[in-house]
Protein backbone atom coordinates (compact mmCIF):
# COMPACT_ATOMS: atom_id res chain seq x y z
CA GLU A 1 13.27 12.91 -9.16
CA SER A 2 12.23 9.00 -9.24
CA ALA A 3 13.54 8.53 -5.74
CA ARG A 4 11.95 11.66 -4.32
CA SER A 5 8.61 10.54 -5.83
CA SER A 6 8.92 7.23 -4.47
CA GLN A 7 9.61 8.55 -0.87
CA LEU A 8 6.53 10.81 -1.44
CA LEU A 9 4.67 7.66 -2.37
CA LEU A 10 5.73 5.85 0.54
CA GLY A 11 5.06 8.67 2.85
CA GLY A 12 1.49 8.73 1.34
CA VAL A 13 1.01 4.99 1.66
CA VAL A 14 1.91 5.29 5.44
CA LEU A 15 -0.37 8.06 6.10
CA LEU A 16 -3.49 6.27 4.22
CA THR A 17 -2.46 3.20 6.39
CA LEU A 18 -2.84 5.11 9.44
CA GLY A 19 -5.98 6.80 8.04
CA GLY A 20 -7.34 3.44 7.32
CA THR A 21 -6.86 2.38 10.94
CA GLY A 22 -8.78 5.54 12.01
CA VAL A 23 -11.44 4.66 9.82
CA SER A 24 -11.69 0.98 11.03
CA VAL A 25 -12.03 2.31 14.68
CA LEU A 26 -14.67 4.88 13.52
CA PHE A 27 -16.57 2.14 12.03
CA ASN A 28 -16.22 0.05 15.16
CA PHE A 29 -17.60 2.93 17.42
CA LEU A 30 -20.56 3.40 14.82
CA GLY A 31 -21.43 -0.43 14.89
CA ARG A 32 -21.27 -0.35 18.51
CA ASP A 33 -23.92 2.33 18.57
CA PHE A 34 -25.86 0.92 15.91
CA TYR A 35 -25.98 -2.53 17.60
CA ASN A 36 -26.89 -0.92 20.92
CA ALA A 37 -29.62 1.00 19.39
CA LEU A 38 -30.85 -2.34 18.01
CA ALA A 39 -30.68 -4.08 21.36
CA GLU A 40 -32.37 -1.24 23.17
CA LYS A 41 -35.09 -1.35 20.38
CA ASP A 42 -34.80 2.59 19.96
CA VAL A 43 -36.22 3.35 16.66
CA ASP A 44 -34.95 6.69 16.69
CA LYS A 45 -31.73 6.13 17.67
CA PHE A 46 -31.70 3.15 15.08
CA TRP A 47 -32.64 5.69 12.29
CA HIS A 48 -29.97 8.20 13.54
CA GLN A 49 -27.44 5.87 13.34
CA MET A 50 -28.41 4.33 10.00
CA GLN A 51 -28.14 7.67 8.58
CA VAL A 52 -24.77 8.45 10.22
CA TYR A 53 -23.52 5.10 8.58
CA LEU A 54 -24.89 5.76 5.19
CA ALA A 55 -23.29 9.22 5.38
CA THR A 56 -19.77 7.84 6.70
CA ILE A 57 -19.44 4.97 4.21
CA PRO A 58 -18.97 7.19 1.09
CA CYS A 59 -16.58 9.38 2.88
CA CYS A 60 -14.16 6.44 4.24
CA ILE A 61 -14.10 4.00 1.62
CA PRO A 62 -11.86 6.24 -0.54
CA VAL A 63 -9.11 6.00 2.08
CA PHE A 64 -8.93 2.27 1.51
CA VAL A 65 -9.03 2.45 -2.04
CA PHE A 66 -6.49 5.18 -2.53
CA ARG A 67 -4.22 3.08 0.05
CA ASP A 68 -4.48 -0.09 -2.02
CA PHE A 69 -3.86 2.00 -5.26
CA PHE A 70 -0.94 3.95 -4.13
CA THR A 71 0.50 0.69 -2.60
CA SER A 72 0.31 -1.02 -5.90
CA LYS A 73 2.03 1.73 -7.47
CA LEU A 74 4.82 1.75 -4.93
CA GLN A 75 5.39 -2.04 -5.56
CA LEU A 76 5.61 -1.75 -9.11
CA LYS A 77 8.22 1.05 -8.99
CA TRP A 78 10.02 -0.69 -6.52
CA ARG A 79 10.14 -4.05 -8.95
CA LYS A 80 11.24 -1.71 -11.88
CA TRP A 81 14.07 -0.21 -9.87
CA MET A 82 15.43 -3.60 -8.41
CA THR A 83 15.28 -5.24 -11.71
CA LYS A 84 16.97 -2.10 -13.32
CA SER A 85 19.56 -2.16 -10.60
CA LEU A 86 20.38 -5.93 -10.39
CA THR A 87 20.52 -5.85 -14.23
CA GLU A 88 23.20 -3.24 -14.46
CA GLN A 89 24.99 -5.09 -11.64
CA TYR A 90 25.03 -8.12 -13.49
CA PHE A 91 26.19 -6.83 -16.71
CA GLU A 92 28.71 -4.39 -15.01
CA ASN A 93 32.24 -5.21 -15.84
CA ARG A 94 31.37 -8.50 -17.30
CA ARG A 95 30.63 -9.72 -14.08
CA TYR A 96 28.46 -12.28 -15.50
CA TYR A 97 31.60 -14.43 -16.39
CA LYS A 98 32.78 -14.25 -12.86
CA LEU A 99 29.47 -15.71 -11.56
CA GLN A 100 29.55 -18.70 -14.21
CA GLY A 101 32.19 -20.83 -12.43
CA GLY A 102 34.86 -18.35 -12.07
CA VAL A 103 36.09 -18.20 -15.63
CA ASP A 104 38.17 -15.20 -16.40
CA SER A 105 37.10 -13.40 -19.42
CA SER A 106 40.68 -13.35 -20.91
CA SER A 107 40.80 -17.11 -20.66
CA ALA A 108 37.50 -17.55 -22.32
CA LEU A 109 38.83 -16.39 -25.73
CA VAL A 110 41.78 -18.68 -25.99
């Protein structure tokens, strides 16, 4: 279950990253049109672009927020899994004795 949820989380992060790239491109085009309206001193076009900007920002900002949130959540799950896995490997079959200078566990008791 944990592996499946982590895979879904990773897929979501990838999709949100792609979505964030799309949003950045959208804002690039909006900025271009906005500054073109300013340069042309076209008041009607300026106010239209201002309305488009203000309508777009609340719709697009959650993409970045959710991407960062799910990325952090995935990082925490990864660290938890990695810590558990490495700890289990360290204590498995008294491996920690082998890592401490090759001391055999039977000779350590003598």
